[in-house]
Amino acid sequence: MDHSGARPMRNWLGIHWAVWCVLGLALVLLIIEHFSHVLGVLPYLIILACPLMHFFMHGKHGHGHGAAKDSSVGGRDTDGS
């Protein structure tokens, strides 16, 4: 049996592990070093979130689509009978 293919796969997994560790460390250092910049922009991001939420969530509560067709409220007729 030839097991020559098992050795490169093991090395490849070690390289992936090392790359993920380096990227994670870089991300942590980036966040630590630039945290004050992020805090300075945070109020503007919250203000920007308001129109974005309005735009993407407006259709969720039934404005305009068939609301005028249904004349009954709560399953009852509005003419009193």
Protein backbone atom coordinates (compact mmCIF):
# COMPACT_ATOMS: atom_id res chain seq x y z
CA MET A 1 0.00 0.00 0.00
CA ASP A 2 1.18 3.45 -0.86
CA HIS A 3 0.39 6.08 1.79
CA SER A 4 2.35 8.89 0.20
CA GLY A 5 -0.81 10.99 -0.21
CA ALA A 6 -1.50 11.20 3.55
CA ARG A 7 1.51 13.36 4.42
CA PRO A 8 0.71 16.43 2.22
CA MET A 9 -2.87 16.54 3.50
CA ARG A 10 -1.66 16.74 7.10
CA ASN A 11 0.70 19.60 6.21
CA TRP A 12 -2.10 21.38 4.35
CA LEU A 13 -4.35 21.29 7.44
CA GLY A 14 -1.53 22.76 9.53
CA ILE A 15 -1.14 25.60 7.06
CA HIS A 16 -4.87 26.36 7.20
CA TRP A 17 -4.75 26.41 11.00
CA ALA A 18 -1.82 28.82 10.95
CA VAL A 19 -3.49 31.10 8.41
CA TRP A 20 -6.69 31.29 10.50
CA CYS A 21 -4.68 32.08 13.63
CA VAL A 22 -2.79 34.88 11.88
CA LEU A 23 -6.01 36.33 10.45
CA GLY A 24 -7.70 36.17 13.86
CA LEU A 25 -4.76 37.91 15.51
CA ALA A 26 -4.74 40.59 12.81
CA LEU A 27 -8.47 41.17 13.32
CA VAL A 28 -8.08 41.51 17.09
CA LEU A 29 -5.20 43.96 16.70
CA LEU A 30 -7.14 45.95 14.11
CA ILE A 31 -10.12 46.24 16.43
CA ILE A 32 -7.97 47.20 19.41
CA GLU A 33 -5.99 49.85 17.53
CA HIS A 34 -8.96 51.43 15.78
CA PHE A 35 -11.60 51.14 18.50
CA SER A 36 -11.60 54.89 19.11
CA HIS A 37 -12.31 55.53 15.42
CA VAL A 38 -15.21 53.08 15.50
CA LEU A 39 -16.68 54.79 18.56
CA GLY A 40 -16.48 58.14 16.76
CA VAL A 41 -18.49 56.81 13.82
CA LEU A 42 -21.02 54.86 15.90
CA PRO A 43 -23.62 57.68 16.26
CA TYR A 44 -23.67 58.15 12.50
CA LEU A 45 -24.13 54.42 11.96
CA ILE A 46 -27.12 54.42 14.30
CA ILE A 47 -28.66 57.37 12.43
CA LEU A 48 -28.00 55.59 9.12
CA ALA A 49 -29.71 52.47 10.45
CA CYS A 50 -33.04 54.29 10.85
CA PRO A 51 -33.79 54.87 7.14
CA LEU A 52 -32.37 51.48 6.23
CA MET A 53 -34.67 49.74 8.70
CA HIS A 54 -37.61 51.78 7.44
CA PHE A 55 -36.82 50.87 3.83
CA PHE A 56 -36.34 47.14 4.40
CA MET A 57 -38.99 46.58 7.09
CA HIS A 58 -41.82 48.81 5.84
CA GLY A 59 -43.63 46.07 3.92
CA LYS A 60 -43.79 43.76 6.92
CA HIS A 61 -46.83 45.36 8.51
CA GLY A 62 -49.26 45.42 5.59
CA HIS A 63 -49.34 48.99 4.33
CA GLY A 64 -51.07 49.35 1.00
CA HIS A 65 -51.47 45.76 -0.17
CA GLY A 66 -55.14 44.89 0.17
CA ALA A 67 -55.78 46.83 3.36
CA ALA A 68 -58.63 48.86 1.75
CA LYS A 69 -60.40 45.73 0.39
CA ASP A 70 -61.12 44.26 3.83
CA SER A 71 -63.95 46.30 5.34
CA SER A 72 -64.52 44.04 8.34
CA VAL A 73 -62.72 44.58 11.62
CA GLY A 74 -61.96 41.54 13.73
CA GLY A 75 -64.12 39.28 11.57
CA ARG A 76 -67.32 41.30 12.14
CA ASP A 77 -69.31 43.36 9.68
CA THR A 78 -69.13 47.11 10.09
CA ASP A 79 -72.82 47.68 9.32
CA GLY A 80 -73.87 46.61 12.82
CA SER A 81 -75.67 43.36 11.93
